[in-house]
C-alpha atoms as a PDB file:
ATOM      1  CA  MET A   1      30.304 -37.987-145.046  1.00  0.00           C
ATOM      2  CA  SER A   2      33.291 -36.032-146.366  1.00  0.00           C
ATOM      3  CA  ASN A   3      34.021 -32.501-145.220  1.00  0.00           C
ATOM      4  CA  PRO A   4      31.516 -30.252-147.069  1.00  0.00           C
ATOM      5  CA  PHE A   5      33.803 -27.225-146.766  1.00  0.00           C
ATOM      6  CA  THR A   6      36.954 -26.471-148.743  1.00  0.00           C
ATOM      7  CA  LEU A   7      40.153 -24.456-148.324  1.00  0.00           C
ATOM      8  CA  SER A   8      40.665 -24.191-152.099  1.00  0.00           C
ATOM      9  CA  PHE A   9      40.101 -20.861-153.816  1.00  0.00           C
ATOM     10  CA  GLY A  10      37.692 -20.837-156.739  1.00  0.00           C
ATOM     11  CA  LYS A  11      36.461 -24.393-156.275  1.00  0.00           C
ATOM     12  CA  GLU A  12      32.718 -24.602-155.769  1.00  0.00           C
ATOM     13  CA  PRO A  13      32.375 -26.254-152.343  1.00  0.00           C
ATOM     14  CA  GLN A  14      29.696 -28.719-151.391  1.00  0.00           C
ATOM     15  CA  GLU A  15      28.452 -26.240-148.789  1.00  0.00           C
ATOM     16  CA  TYR A  16      28.373 -22.606-149.801  1.00  0.00           C
ATOM     17  CA  ILE A  17      26.069 -19.596-149.647  1.00  0.00           C
ATOM     18  CA  LYS A  18      24.995 -18.315-153.044  1.00  0.00           C
ATOM     19  CA  ARG A  19      25.284 -14.676-154.070  1.00  0.00           C
ATOM     20  CA  ILE A  20      21.656 -14.636-155.171  1.00  0.00           C
ATOM     21  CA  ASN A  21      21.303 -10.878-155.755  1.00  0.00           C
ATOM     22  CA  GLU A  22      24.336 -10.544-158.038  1.00  0.00           C
ATOM     23  CA  TYR A  23      23.632 -13.867-159.774  1.00  0.00           C
ATOM     24  CA  ASP A  24      20.018 -13.001-160.587  1.00  0.00           C
ATOM     25  CA  GLU A  25      20.791  -9.417-161.587  1.00  0.00           C
ATOM     26  CA  ILE A  26      23.448 -10.383-164.142  1.00  0.00           C
ATOM     27  CA  ILE A  27      21.299 -13.114-165.686  1.00  0.00           C
ATOM     28  CA  GLU A  28      18.210 -10.894-165.874  1.00  0.00           C
ATOM     29  CA  THR A  29      20.246  -8.083-167.426  1.00  0.00           C
ATOM     30  CA  PHE A  30      21.753 -10.243-170.171  1.00  0.00           C
ATOM     31  CA  ASN A  31      18.409 -11.927-170.836  1.00  0.00           C
ATOM     32  CA  SER A  32      16.820  -8.528-171.422  1.00  0.00           C
ATOM     33  CA  ASN A  33      16.024  -7.467-174.986  1.00  0.00           C
ATOM     34  CA  ASN A  34      17.620  -4.095-174.229  1.00  0.00           C
ATOM     35  CA  PRO A  35      20.212  -4.682-171.476  1.00  0.00           C
ATOM     36  CA  MET A  36      21.461  -1.678-169.510  1.00  0.00           C
ATOM     37  CA  THR A  37      25.018  -2.966-169.902  1.00  0.00           C
ATOM     38  CA  ASN A  38      27.059  -5.652-171.663  1.00  0.00           C
ATOM     39  CA  LEU A  39      29.746  -5.645-168.989  1.00  0.00           C
ATOM     40  CA  PHE A  40      29.782  -6.610-165.321  1.00  0.00           C
ATOM     41  CA  ILE A  41      32.871  -6.265-163.132  1.00  0.00           C
ATOM     42  CA  ILE A  42      32.765  -8.325-159.938  1.00  0.00           C
ATOM     43  CA  THR A  43      35.259  -7.127-157.368  1.00  0.00           C
ATOM     44  CA  GLY A  44      36.023  -7.598-153.699  1.00  0.00           C
ATOM     45  CA  VAL A  45      38.730  -8.767-151.350  1.00  0.00           C
ATOM     46  CA  ARG A  46      40.596 -11.993-152.101  1.00  0.00           C
ATOM     47  CA  GLY A  47      38.424 -14.866-150.855  1.00  0.00           C
ATOM     48  CA  ALA A  48      35.126 -12.973-151.099  1.00  0.00           C
ATOM     49  CA  GLY A  49      33.679 -15.566-153.498  1.00  0.00           C
ATOM     50  CA  LYS A  50      34.241 -13.836-156.842  1.00  0.00           C
ATOM     51  CA  THR A  51      35.440 -16.952-158.680  1.00  0.00           C
ATOM     52  CA  VAL A  52      32.685 -19.184-157.303  1.00  0.00           C
ATOM     53  CA  LEU A  53      30.059 -16.659-158.416  1.00  0.00           C
ATOM     54  CA  LEU A  54      31.659 -16.399-161.857  1.00  0.00           C
ATOM     55  CA  SER A  55      31.720 -20.200-162.191  1.00  0.00           C
ATOM     56  CA  SER A  56      28.020 -20.384-161.316  1.00  0.00           C
ATOM     57  CA  LEU A  57      27.207 -17.755-163.938  1.00  0.00           C
ATOM     58  CA  TYR A  58      29.301 -19.536-166.567  1.00  0.00           C
ATOM     59  CA  LYS A  59      27.443 -22.805-165.919  1.00  0.00           C
ATOM     60  CA  TYR A  60      24.085 -21.073-166.363  1.00  0.00           C
ATOM     61  CA  PHE A  61      24.995 -19.505-169.715  1.00  0.00           C
ATOM     62  CA  ASP A  62      26.821 -22.609-170.941  1.00  0.00           C
ATOM     63  CA  ASN A  63      23.726 -24.729-170.336  1.00  0.00           C
ATOM     64  CA  ASN A  64      21.395 -22.221-172.005  1.00  0.00           C
ATOM     65  CA  ASP A  65      20.740 -22.748-175.731  1.00  0.00           C
ATOM     66  CA  ASP A  66      20.378 -19.003-176.262  1.00  0.00           C
ATOM     67  CA  TYR A  67      24.014 -18.423-175.329  1.00  0.00           C
ATOM     68  CA  ILE A  68      27.526 -19.452-176.281  1.00  0.00           C
ATOM     69  CA  ALA A  69      29.681 -19.224-173.130  1.00  0.00           C
ATOM     70  CA  ILE A  70      33.440 -18.821-173.429  1.00  0.00           C
ATOM     71  CA  ASP A  71      35.900 -18.705-170.512  1.00  0.00           C
ATOM     72  CA  ILE A  72      39.206 -16.988-171.304  1.00  0.00           C
ATOM     73  CA  ASN A  73      42.617 -17.378-169.708  1.00  0.00           C
ATOM     74  CA  THR A  74      44.541 -14.159-168.947  1.00  0.00           C
ATOM     75  CA  THR A  75      47.954 -15.852-169.135  1.00  0.00           C
ATOM     76  CA  VAL A  76      47.803 -16.436-172.907  1.00  0.00           C
ATOM     77  CA  ASN A  77      46.952 -14.259-175.911  1.00  0.00           C
ATOM     78  CA  MET A  78      43.336 -13.605-174.951  1.00  0.00           C
ATOM     79  CA  LEU A  79      42.120 -12.684-178.431  1.00  0.00           C
ATOM     80  CA  GLU A  80      43.518 -15.881-179.903  1.00  0.00           C
ATOM     81  CA  ASP A  81      42.160 -17.884-176.978  1.00  0.00           C
ATOM     82  CA  PHE A  82      38.706 -16.359-177.436  1.00  0.00           C
ATOM     83  CA  SER A  83      38.706 -16.893-181.205  1.00  0.00           C
ATOM     84  CA  ALA A  84      39.845 -20.508-180.974  1.00  0.00           C
ATOM     85  CA  LYS A  85      37.337 -21.400-178.246  1.00  0.00           C
ATOM     86  CA  LEU A  86      34.495 -19.613-180.019  1.00  0.00           C
ATOM     87  CA  TYR A  87      35.312 -21.387-183.276  1.00  0.00           C
ATOM     88  CA  ASP A  88      35.555 -24.748-181.506  1.00  0.00           C
ATOM     89  CA  LYS A  89      32.371 -24.333-179.473  1.00  0.00           C
ATOM     90  CA  THR A  90      30.050 -22.599-181.925  1.00  0.00           C
ATOM     91  CA  PRO A  91      29.296 -25.626-184.146  1.00  0.00           C
ATOM     92  CA  LYS A  92      27.596 -27.268-181.178  1.00  0.00           C
ATOM     93  CA  LYS A  93      25.108 -24.390-181.220  1.00  0.00           C
ATOM     94  CA  ILE A  94      25.208 -23.499-184.937  1.00  0.00           C
ATOM     95  CA  LYS A  95      25.839 -26.628-187.003  1.00  0.00           C
ATOM     96  CA  SER A  96      26.463 -24.845-190.287  1.00  0.00           C
ATOM     97  CA  LEU A  97      29.347 -22.723-189.000  1.00  0.00           C
ATOM     98  CA  LYS A  98      32.107 -25.324-188.827  1.00  0.00           C
ATOM     99  CA  ALA A  99      32.110 -25.909-192.572  1.00  0.00           C
ATOM    100  CA  GLU A 100      32.425 -22.221-193.313  1.00  0.00           C
ATOM    101  CA  PHE A 101      35.572 -21.484-191.273  1.00  0.00           C
ATOM    102  CA  SER A 102      39.095 -22.807-191.371  1.00  0.00           C
ATOM    103  CA  PHE A 103      42.136 -21.228-189.733  1.00  0.00           C
ATOM    104  CA  SER A 104      45.347 -21.726-187.814  1.00  0.00           C
ATOM    105  CA  PHE A 105      46.530 -18.775-185.745  1.00  0.00           C
ATOM    106  CA  HIS A 106      50.227 -19.283-185.716  1.00  0.00           C
ATOM    107  CA  GLY A 107      50.323 -20.425-189.316  1.00  0.00           C
ATOM    108  CA  LEU A 108      47.768 -17.731-190.242  1.00  0.00           C
ATOM    109  CA  THR A 109      45.968 -20.046-192.665  1.00  0.00           C
ATOM    110  CA  ILE A 110      42.593 -18.508-191.826  1.00  0.00           C
ATOM    111  CA  SER A 111      39.886 -18.671-194.461  1.00  0.00           C
ATOM    112  CA  LEU A 112      36.136 -18.474-194.856  1.00  0.00           C
ATOM    113  CA  LYS A 113      34.172 -20.469-197.374  1.00  0.00           C
ATOM    114  CA  GLY A 114      33.680 -18.477-200.556  1.00  0.00           C
ATOM    115  CA  GLU A 115      35.690 -15.501-199.271  1.00  0.00           C
ATOM    116  CA  GLU A 116      39.257 -14.218-199.315  1.00  0.00           C
ATOM    117  CA  PRO A 117      41.574 -15.524-196.552  1.00  0.00           C
ATOM    118  CA  VAL A 118      41.291 -13.660-193.244  1.00  0.00           C
ATOM    119  CA  SER A 119      44.634 -12.399-191.978  1.00  0.00           C
ATOM    120  CA  SER A 120      43.741 -11.044-188.537  1.00  0.00           C
ATOM    121  CA  VAL A 121      42.086 -12.354-185.399  1.00  0.00           C
ATOM    122  CA  SER A 122      39.982  -9.182-185.124  1.00  0.00           C
ATOM    123  CA  LEU A 123      38.450  -9.672-188.551  1.00  0.00           C
ATOM    124  CA  LEU A 124      37.819 -13.346-187.893  1.00  0.00           C
ATOM    125  CA  LEU A 125      36.011 -12.520-184.639  1.00  0.00           C
ATOM    126  CA  GLU A 126      33.882  -9.898-186.347  1.00  0.00           C
ATOM    127  CA  LYS A 127      32.852 -12.297-189.124  1.00  0.00           C
ATOM    128  CA  MET A 128      32.015 -15.134-186.730  1.00  0.00           C
ATOM    129  CA  LEU A 129      30.044 -12.857-184.417  1.00  0.00           C
ATOM    130  CA  ASN A 130      28.062 -11.430-187.331  1.00  0.00           C
ATOM    131  CA  LYS A 131      27.045 -14.951-188.323  1.00  0.00           C
ATOM    132  CA  ILE A 132      26.143 -15.765-184.723  1.00  0.00           C
ATOM    133  CA  LYS A 133      24.076 -12.568-184.505  1.00  0.00           C
ATOM    134  CA  LYS A 134      21.888 -13.738-187.378  1.00  0.00           C
ATOM    135  CA  THR A 135      20.908 -16.813-185.345  1.00  0.00           C
ATOM    136  CA  GLY A 136      19.735 -14.666-182.418  1.00  0.00           C
ATOM    137  CA  LYS A 137      22.253 -16.191-180.011  1.00  0.00           C
ATOM    138  CA  LYS A 138      24.465 -14.237-177.601  1.00  0.00           C
ATOM    139  CA  VAL A 139      28.123 -14.778-176.674  1.00  0.00           C
ATOM    140  CA  VAL A 140      29.012 -14.441-172.985  1.00  0.00           C
ATOM    141  CA  ILE A 141      32.696 -14.228-172.072  1.00  0.00           C
ATOM    142  CA  THR A 142      33.961 -14.831-168.539  1.00  0.00           C
ATOM    143  CA  VAL A 143      37.423 -13.805-167.340  1.00  0.00           C
ATOM    144  CA  ASP A 144      38.568 -14.595-163.818  1.00  0.00           C
ATOM    145  CA  ASP A 145      41.117 -12.540-161.899  1.00  0.00           C
ATOM    146  CA  ILE A 146      41.955  -9.930-164.517  1.00  0.00           C
ATOM    147  CA  ASP A 147      45.393  -8.328-164.565  1.00  0.00           C
ATOM    148  CA  THR A 148      47.011  -5.242-166.075  1.00  0.00           C
ATOM    149  CA  GLY A 149      49.088  -7.073-168.692  1.00  0.00           C
ATOM    150  CA  ASP A 150      49.210  -6.401-172.432  1.00  0.00           C
ATOM    151  CA  TYR A 151      46.947  -9.360-173.283  1.00  0.00           C
ATOM    152  CA  MET A 152      44.224  -7.951-171.044  1.00  0.00           C
ATOM    153  CA  LYS A 153      44.538  -4.433-172.458  1.00  0.00           C
ATOM    154  CA  SER A 154      44.341  -5.688-176.049  1.00  0.00           C
ATOM    155  CA  PHE A 155      41.332  -7.829-175.247  1.00  0.00           C
ATOM    156  CA  VAL A 156      39.408  -4.971-173.592  1.00  0.00           C
ATOM    157  CA  LYS A 157      40.061  -2.704-176.573  1.00  0.00           C
ATOM    158  CA  GLU A 158      38.861  -5.393-178.995  1.00  0.00           C
ATOM    159  CA  PHE A 159      35.764  -6.097-176.904  1.00  0.00           C
ATOM    160  CA  GLN A 160      34.949  -2.387-176.951  1.00  0.00           C
ATOM    161  CA  SER A 161      35.334  -2.323-180.727  1.00  0.00           C
ATOM    162  CA  LEU A 162      33.057  -5.344-181.212  1.00  0.00           C
ATOM    163  CA  PHE A 163      30.515  -3.901-178.782  1.00  0.00           C
ATOM    164  CA  ARG A 164      30.373  -0.632-180.751  1.00  0.00           C
ATOM    165  CA  LYS A 165      29.530  -2.651-183.873  1.00  0.00           C
ATOM    166  CA  ASP A 166      26.384  -3.899-182.134  1.00  0.00           C
ATOM    167  CA  LEU A 167      27.528  -7.502-182.009  1.00  0.00           C
ATOM    168  CA  PRO A 168      25.928  -9.887-179.458  1.00  0.00           C
ATOM    169  CA  ILE A 169      28.859  -9.938-177.062  1.00  0.00           C
ATOM    170  CA  TYR A 170      28.731  -9.803-173.253  1.00  0.00           C
ATOM    171  CA  LEU A 171      31.486  -9.828-170.658  1.00  0.00           C
ATOM    172  CA  ILE A 172      31.748 -10.746-166.968  1.00  0.00           C
ATOM    173  CA  VAL A 173      35.091 -10.326-165.222  1.00  0.00           C
ATOM    174  CA  THR A 174      36.371 -10.629-161.668  1.00  0.00           C
ATOM    175  CA  GLY A 175      39.270  -8.727-160.199  1.00  0.00           C
ATOM    176  CA  LEU A 176      40.737  -7.045-157.158  1.00  0.00           C
ATOM    177  CA  TYR A 177      39.789  -3.403-156.700  1.00  0.00           C
ATOM    178  CA  ASN A 178      43.319  -2.057-157.196  1.00  0.00           C
ATOM    179  CA  VAL A 179      43.698  -4.000-160.473  1.00  0.00           C
ATOM    180  CA  VAL A 180      40.344  -2.782-161.812  1.00  0.00           C
ATOM    181  CA  ASP A 181      41.152   0.776-160.760  1.00  0.00           C
ATOM    182  CA  THR A 182      44.546   0.659-162.523  1.00  0.00           C
ATOM    183  CA  LEU A 183      43.049  -0.749-165.738  1.00  0.00           C
ATOM    184  CA  GLU A 184      40.291   1.866-165.859  1.00  0.00           C
ATOM    185  CA  LYS A 185      42.852   4.654-165.792  1.00  0.00           C
ATOM    186  CA  GLN A 186      44.835   3.286-168.746  1.00  0.00           C
ATOM    187  CA  GLU A 187      44.598   5.199-171.999  1.00  0.00           C
ATOM    188  CA  GLY A 188      41.991   3.649-174.263  1.00  0.00           C
ATOM    189  CA  LEU A 189      40.436   1.540-171.481  1.00  0.00           C
ATOM    190  CA  THR A 190      38.073   4.075-169.912  1.00  0.00           C
ATOM    191  CA  PHE A 191      35.294   1.946-171.446  1.00  0.00           C
ATOM    192  CA  LEU A 192      35.603  -0.172-168.288  1.00  0.00           C
ATOM    193  CA  GLN A 193      34.297   2.731-166.226  1.00  0.00           C
ATOM    194  CA  ARG A 194      30.924   2.352-167.933  1.00  0.00           C
ATOM    195  CA  GLY A 195      30.623  -1.276-166.868  1.00  0.00           C
ATOM    196  CA  GLN A 196      28.452  -2.208-163.895  1.00  0.00           C
ATOM    197  CA  LYS A 197      30.628  -2.900-160.841  1.00  0.00           C
ATOM    198  CA  ARG A 198      29.475  -5.174-158.080  1.00  0.00           C
ATOM    199  CA  TYR A 199      31.465  -5.108-154.828  1.00  0.00           C
ATOM    200  CA  LEU A 200      30.896  -8.364-152.967  1.00  0.00           C
ATOM    201  CA  THR A 201      29.750  -7.580-149.440  1.00  0.00           C
ATOM    202  CA  PRO A 202      29.762  -9.976-146.434  1.00  0.00           C
ATOM    203  CA  LEU A 203      27.539 -13.038-146.621  1.00  0.00           C
ATOM    204  CA  ASN A 204      24.191 -13.032-144.845  1.00  0.00           C
ATOM    205  CA  ARG A 205      24.738 -13.837-141.148  1.00  0.00           C
ATOM    206  CA  ARG A 206      21.418 -15.669-140.829  1.00  0.00           C
ATOM    207  CA  TYR A 207      22.341 -18.067-143.642  1.00  0.00           C
ATOM    208  CA  ILE A 208      25.735 -18.746-142.083  1.00  0.00           C
ATOM    209  CA  ILE A 209      24.108 -19.570-138.742  1.00  0.00           C
ATOM    210  CA  SER A 210      21.573 -21.847-140.434  1.00  0.00           C
ATOM    211  CA  SER A 211      24.279 -23.625-142.409  1.00  0.00           C
ATOM    212  CA  TYR A 212      26.486 -24.278-139.382  1.00  0.00           C
ATOM    213  CA  LYS A 213      23.517 -25.432-137.278  1.00  0.00           C
ATOM    214  CA  GLU A 214      22.383 -27.941-139.871  1.00  0.00           C
ATOM    215  CA  ILE A 215      25.807 -29.384-140.679  1.00  0.00           C
ATOM    216  CA  PHE A 216      27.202 -29.584-137.145  1.00  0.00           C
ATOM    217  CA  ASN A 217      23.920 -30.225-135.318  1.00  0.00           C
ATOM    218  CA  ILE A 218      24.730 -27.515-132.774  1.00  0.00           C
ATOM    219  CA  ASP A 219      22.592 -25.036-130.821  1.00  0.00           C
ATOM    220  CA  ASP A 220      21.846 -21.439-131.759  1.00  0.00           C
ATOM    221  CA  LYS A 221      24.385 -19.953-129.350  1.00  0.00           C
ATOM    222  CA  LEU A 222      27.367 -21.857-130.739  1.00  0.00           C
ATOM    223  CA  ALA A 223      26.238 -21.369-134.360  1.00  0.00           C
ATOM    224  CA  CYS A 224      25.939 -17.607-133.737  1.00  0.00           C
ATOM    225  CA  SER A 225      29.414 -17.512-132.183  1.00  0.00           C
ATOM    226  CA  LEU A 226      30.884 -19.304-135.189  1.00  0.00           C
ATOM    227  CA  ALA A 227      29.075 -16.989-137.611  1.00  0.00           C
ATOM    228  CA  ASP A 228      30.356 -13.936-135.742  1.00  0.00           C
ATOM    229  CA  LEU A 229      33.915 -15.244-136.056  1.00  0.00           C
ATOM    230  CA  THR A 230      33.553 -15.235-139.861  1.00  0.00           C
ATOM    231  CA  LYS A 231      32.060 -11.706-140.086  1.00  0.00           C
ATOM    232  CA  GLY A 232      30.409 -12.896-143.299  1.00  0.00           C
ATOM    233  CA  TYR A 233      33.719 -13.289-145.148  1.00  0.00           C
ATOM    234  CA  ALA A 234      33.260 -16.153-147.632  1.00  0.00           C
ATOM    235  CA  PHE A 235      36.734 -17.664-147.246  1.00  0.00           C
ATOM    236  CA  ALA A 236      36.400 -17.465-143.452  1.00  0.00           C
ATOM    237  CA  PHE A 237      33.022 -19.247-143.641  1.00  0.00           C
ATOM    238  CA  GLN A 238      34.681 -22.093-145.539  1.00  0.00           C
ATOM    239  CA  THR A 239      37.849 -22.163-143.424  1.00  0.00           C
ATOM    240  CA  LEU A 240      36.159 -22.097-140.035  1.00  0.00           C
ATOM    241  CA  GLY A 241      33.609 -24.660-141.210  1.00  0.00           C
ATOM    242  CA  TYR A 242      36.406 -26.923-142.495  1.00  0.00           C
ATOM    243  CA  LEU A 243      38.403 -26.704-139.259  1.00  0.00           C
ATOM    244  CA  PHE A 244      35.349 -27.129-137.022  1.00  0.00           C
ATOM    245  CA  TYR A 245      34.303 -30.190-139.038  1.00  0.00           C
ATOM    246  CA  GLU A 246      37.768 -31.745-138.612  1.00  0.00           C
ATOM    247  CA  SER A 247      37.956 -30.895-134.904  1.00  0.00           C
ATOM    248  CA  ASP A 248      37.382 -33.594-132.300  1.00  0.00           C
ATOM    249  CA  LYS A 249      35.643 -31.087-130.055  1.00  0.00           C
ATOM    250  CA  ARG A 250      32.541 -29.132-130.945  1.00  0.00           C
ATOM    251  CA  GLU A 251      33.724 -25.954-129.270  1.00  0.00           C
ATOM    252  CA  ILE A 252      35.549 -22.719-129.974  1.00  0.00           C
ATOM    253  CA  ASN A 253      38.899 -23.064-128.232  1.00  0.00           C
ATOM    254  CA  ALA A 254      42.475 -21.781-128.469  1.00  0.00           C
ATOM    255  CA  THR A 255      43.521 -24.580-130.835  1.00  0.00           C
ATOM    256  CA  LEU A 256      40.716 -23.832-133.281  1.00  0.00           C
ATOM    257  CA  LEU A 257      41.454 -20.083-133.246  1.00  0.00           C
ATOM    258  CA  LYS A 258      45.179 -20.707-133.747  1.00  0.00           C
ATOM    259  CA  GLU A 259      44.517 -22.847-136.844  1.00  0.00           C
ATOM    260  CA  TYR A 260      41.930 -20.351-138.084  1.00  0.00           C
ATOM    261  CA  ASP A 261      44.392 -17.455-137.771  1.00  0.00           C
ATOM    262  CA  TYR A 262      47.071 -19.486-139.537  1.00  0.00           C
ATOM    263  CA  TYR A 263      44.936 -20.173-142.616  1.00  0.00           C
ATOM    264  CA  LEU A 264      43.648 -16.592-142.816  1.00  0.00           C
ATOM    265  CA  GLU A 265      47.229 -15.316-142.697  1.00  0.00           C
ATOM    266  CA  GLU A 266      48.749 -17.835-145.098  1.00  0.00           C
ATOM    267  CA  TYR A 267      45.995 -17.785-147.702  1.00  0.00           C
ATOM    268  CA  VAL A 268      44.935 -14.117-147.632  1.00  0.00           C
ATOM    269  CA  TYR A 269      46.126 -11.634-145.038  1.00  0.00           C
ATOM    270  CA  ARG A 270      49.866 -11.725-145.617  1.00  0.00           C
ATOM    271  CA  ARG A 271      49.475 -10.953-149.319  1.00  0.00           C
ATOM    272  CA  LEU A 272      46.641  -8.481-148.740  1.00  0.00           C
ATOM    273  CA  TYR A 273      48.714  -6.531-146.213  1.00  0.00           C
ATOM    274  CA  ALA A 274      51.728  -6.429-148.540  1.00  0.00           C
ATOM    275  CA  GLU A 275      49.595  -4.857-151.293  1.00  0.00           C
ATOM    276  CA  LEU A 276      48.526  -1.911-149.126  1.00  0.00           C
ATOM    277  CA  SER A 277      50.159   1.495-149.324  1.00  0.00           C
ATOM    278  CA  GLU A 278      52.068   2.755-146.285  1.00  0.00           C
ATOM    279  CA  LYS A 279      49.312   5.257-145.587  1.00  0.00           C
ATOM    280  CA  GLU A 280      46.651   2.528-145.679  1.00  0.00           C
ATOM    281  CA  LYS A 281      48.739   0.348-143.353  1.00  0.00           C
ATOM    282  CA  ASN A 282      49.156   3.250-140.959  1.00  0.00           C
ATOM    283  CA  ILE A 283      45.399   3.887-140.844  1.00  0.00           C
ATOM    284  CA  LEU A 284      44.702   0.209-140.132  1.00  0.00           C
ATOM    285  CA  LYS A 285      47.415   0.102-137.446  1.00  0.00           C
ATOM    286  CA  HIS A 286      45.843   3.007-135.581  1.00  0.00           C
ATOM    287  CA  ILE A 287      42.392   1.427-135.847  1.00  0.00           C
ATOM    288  CA  SER A 288      43.740  -1.911-134.554  1.00  0.00           C
ATOM    289  CA  LEU A 289      46.186  -0.768-131.873  1.00  0.00           C
ATOM    290  CA  SER A 290      44.559   2.416-130.605  1.00  0.00           C
ATOM    291  CA  ASN A 291      40.900   1.785-131.474  1.00  0.00           C
ATOM    292  CA  LEU A 292      40.732   5.031-133.432  1.00  0.00           C
ATOM    293  CA  GLU A 293      37.741   4.641-135.744  1.00  0.00           C
ATOM    294  CA  SER A 294      36.373   8.139-136.219  1.00  0.00           C
ATOM    295  CA  ASN A 295      37.540  10.559-138.880  1.00  0.00           C
ATOM    296  CA  LYS A 296      38.230  13.152-136.196  1.00  0.00           C
ATOM    297  CA  GLU A 297      40.423  10.808-134.133  1.00  0.00           C
ATOM    298  CA  LEU A 298      42.491   9.729-137.131  1.00  0.00           C
ATOM    299  CA  VAL A 299      43.010  13.327-138.237  1.00  0.00           C
ATOM    300  CA  GLU A 300      43.906  14.526-134.719  1.00  0.00           C
ATOM    301  CA  ALA A 301      46.405  11.673-134.369  1.00  0.00           C
ATOM    302  CA  GLY A 302      48.138  12.896-137.528  1.00  0.00           C
ATOM    303  CA  VAL A 303      47.429   9.699-139.452  1.00  0.00           C
ATOM    304  CA  VAL A 304      45.673  11.490-142.320  1.00  0.00           C
ATOM    305  CA  THR A 305      44.588  15.005-143.173  1.00  0.00           C
ATOM    306  CA  ASN A 306      41.017  16.197-143.555  1.00  0.00           C
ATOM    307  CA  GLN A 307      41.598  16.311-147.308  1.00  0.00           C
ATOM    308  CA  GLU A 308      42.848  12.698-147.444  1.00  0.00           C
ATOM    309  CA  ILE A 309      40.471  10.852-145.149  1.00  0.00           C
ATOM    310  CA  SER A 310      37.544  10.412-147.562  1.00  0.00           C
ATOM    311  CA  ASN A 311      39.767   9.086-150.338  1.00  0.00           C
ATOM    312  CA  TYR A 312      41.479   6.491-148.137  1.00  0.00           C
ATOM    313  CA  LYS A 313      38.214   5.397-146.543  1.00  0.00           C
ATOM    314  CA  GLU A 314      36.782   4.786-150.012  1.00  0.00           C
ATOM    315  CA  LYS A 315      39.847   2.770-151.056  1.00  0.00           C
ATOM    316  CA  LEU A 316      39.747   0.553-147.960  1.00  0.00           C
ATOM    317  CA  PHE A 317      36.010   0.046-148.455  1.00  0.00           C
ATOM    318  CA  LYS A 318      36.398  -0.954-152.102  1.00  0.00           C
ATOM    319  CA  ARG A 319      39.233  -3.302-151.209  1.00  0.00           C
ATOM    320  CA  GLY A 320      36.733  -5.081-148.943  1.00  0.00           C
ATOM    321  CA  ILE A 321      38.700  -4.399-145.756  1.00  0.00           C
ATOM    322  CA  CYS A 322      36.630  -1.719-144.034  1.00  0.00           C
ATOM    323  CA  ASP A 323      33.063  -0.556-143.616  1.00  0.00           C
ATOM    324  CA  ILE A 324      32.298   3.157-143.917  1.00  0.00           C
ATOM    325  CA  LYS A 325      28.494   3.129-143.750  1.00  0.00           C
ATOM    326  CA  GLU A 326      28.365   4.826-140.354  1.00  0.00           C
ATOM    327  CA  ARG A 327      28.917   8.523-140.878  1.00  0.00           C
ATOM    328  CA  GLY A 328      32.324   9.742-139.747  1.00  0.00           C
ATOM    329  CA  LYS A 329      33.620   6.255-138.899  1.00  0.00           C
ATOM    330  CA  ILE A 330      35.739   3.512-140.445  1.00  0.00           C
ATOM    331  CA  THR A 331      35.736  -0.037-139.079  1.00  0.00           C
ATOM    332  CA  ILE A 332      37.625  -3.178-140.093  1.00  0.00           C
ATOM    333  CA  ILE A 333      35.221  -5.889-141.276  1.00  0.00           C
ATOM    334  CA  LEU A 334      37.600  -8.762-142.072  1.00  0.00           C
ATOM    335  CA  PRO A 335      37.578 -11.408-139.324  1.00  0.00           C
ATOM    336  CA  ARG A 336      40.557 -11.295-136.965  1.00  0.00           C
ATOM    337  CA  PHE A 337      42.358  -8.883-139.274  1.00  0.00           C
ATOM    338  CA  LYS A 338      42.840  -6.548-136.322  1.00  0.00           C
ATOM    339  CA  GLU A 339      44.624  -9.348-134.483  1.00  0.00           C
ATOM    340  CA  TYR A 340      46.777  -9.983-137.542  1.00  0.00           C
ATOM    341  CA  ILE A 341      47.774  -6.297-137.799  1.00  0.00           C
ATOM    342  CA  VAL A 342      48.655  -6.194-134.083  1.00  0.00           C
ATOM    343  CA  TYR A 343      50.815  -9.285-134.577  1.00  0.00           C
ATOM    344  CA  ARG A 344      52.503  -7.854-137.708  1.00  0.00           C
ATOM    345  CA  THR A 345      53.176  -4.530-135.994  1.00  0.00           C
ATOM    346  CA  SER A 346      54.797  -6.202-133.001  1.00  0.00           C
ATOM    347  CA  GLU A 347      56.974  -8.239-135.362  1.00  0.00           C
ATOM    348  CA  GLU A 348      58.001  -5.126-137.309  1.00  0.00           C
ATOM    349  CA  ASN A 349      58.839  -3.264-134.092  1.00  0.00           C
ATOM    350  CA  SER A 350      60.987  -6.134-132.840  1.00  0.00           C
ATOM    351  CA  TYR A 351      63.489  -5.734-135.668  1.00  0.00           C
END
């Protein structure tokens, strides 16, 4: 049998652990007659499984006759992309709609049967969504890996406008914490703050152990050791599983750990580390090199002040790097990230 694990981001692997809580909650919310929100923001560290979860949700809504599911690309004009895909897909759900609309974005030859030509994408969207509303169907939009570009800002503002007009429109997006935080603070985009955010936490250890045991036919002790090496990080679960599957030896050895560290660094850690502020890097260096994990120790070492510590702990938690559940402490939860920081620091000091 082929390797059931994958090193590719976003691709749904043959062997993966579902995010059942988030998956069920979003579906139940949108299925509700009076949903608490029309917007979910899924965030977490790179490799936490955001894209795989979003893909699973898209498949559910796309295969449900009560919904019209549209996936939008952030690298193009998102409003035009949404309008074109909605127009193209809707006739499959509402047969009468195709005959009533005709348009070309760049040529702006947009018209509706029996009405004056429509000269803007916003008006076209509003008219199509009003017709869809009469059928009782809902439109779910998915956007993966949002950014802070102009296309994204324009789209969010338009979505907010359509939402205020009580149109059947729902949105699920994924994004890194720092990107979401930056967008929320933009003028005219504070609407995002009212969306429901879901920070993807580590995968269930018991499910990881069970998965490794079944696939590799190994005992509890080895399966537990493998699971502990992943710390519940979704990309690590896939990477370690992939490497262990390809290994000639069913054991945790120096060769396996070397390859594991390489993929974590190349695919995630190098870029993640570069995105951190100098203060965040300094906190993580002291945690990794000096084992300073308490608020008091970090303050006494001059790393942060009493006024700063809570803010930086919250940022590192929301980035998916640290755990702050234990009162007065901050611990790194990414697998072998401490080892990576020690390595990076020694490299920096050698120059």
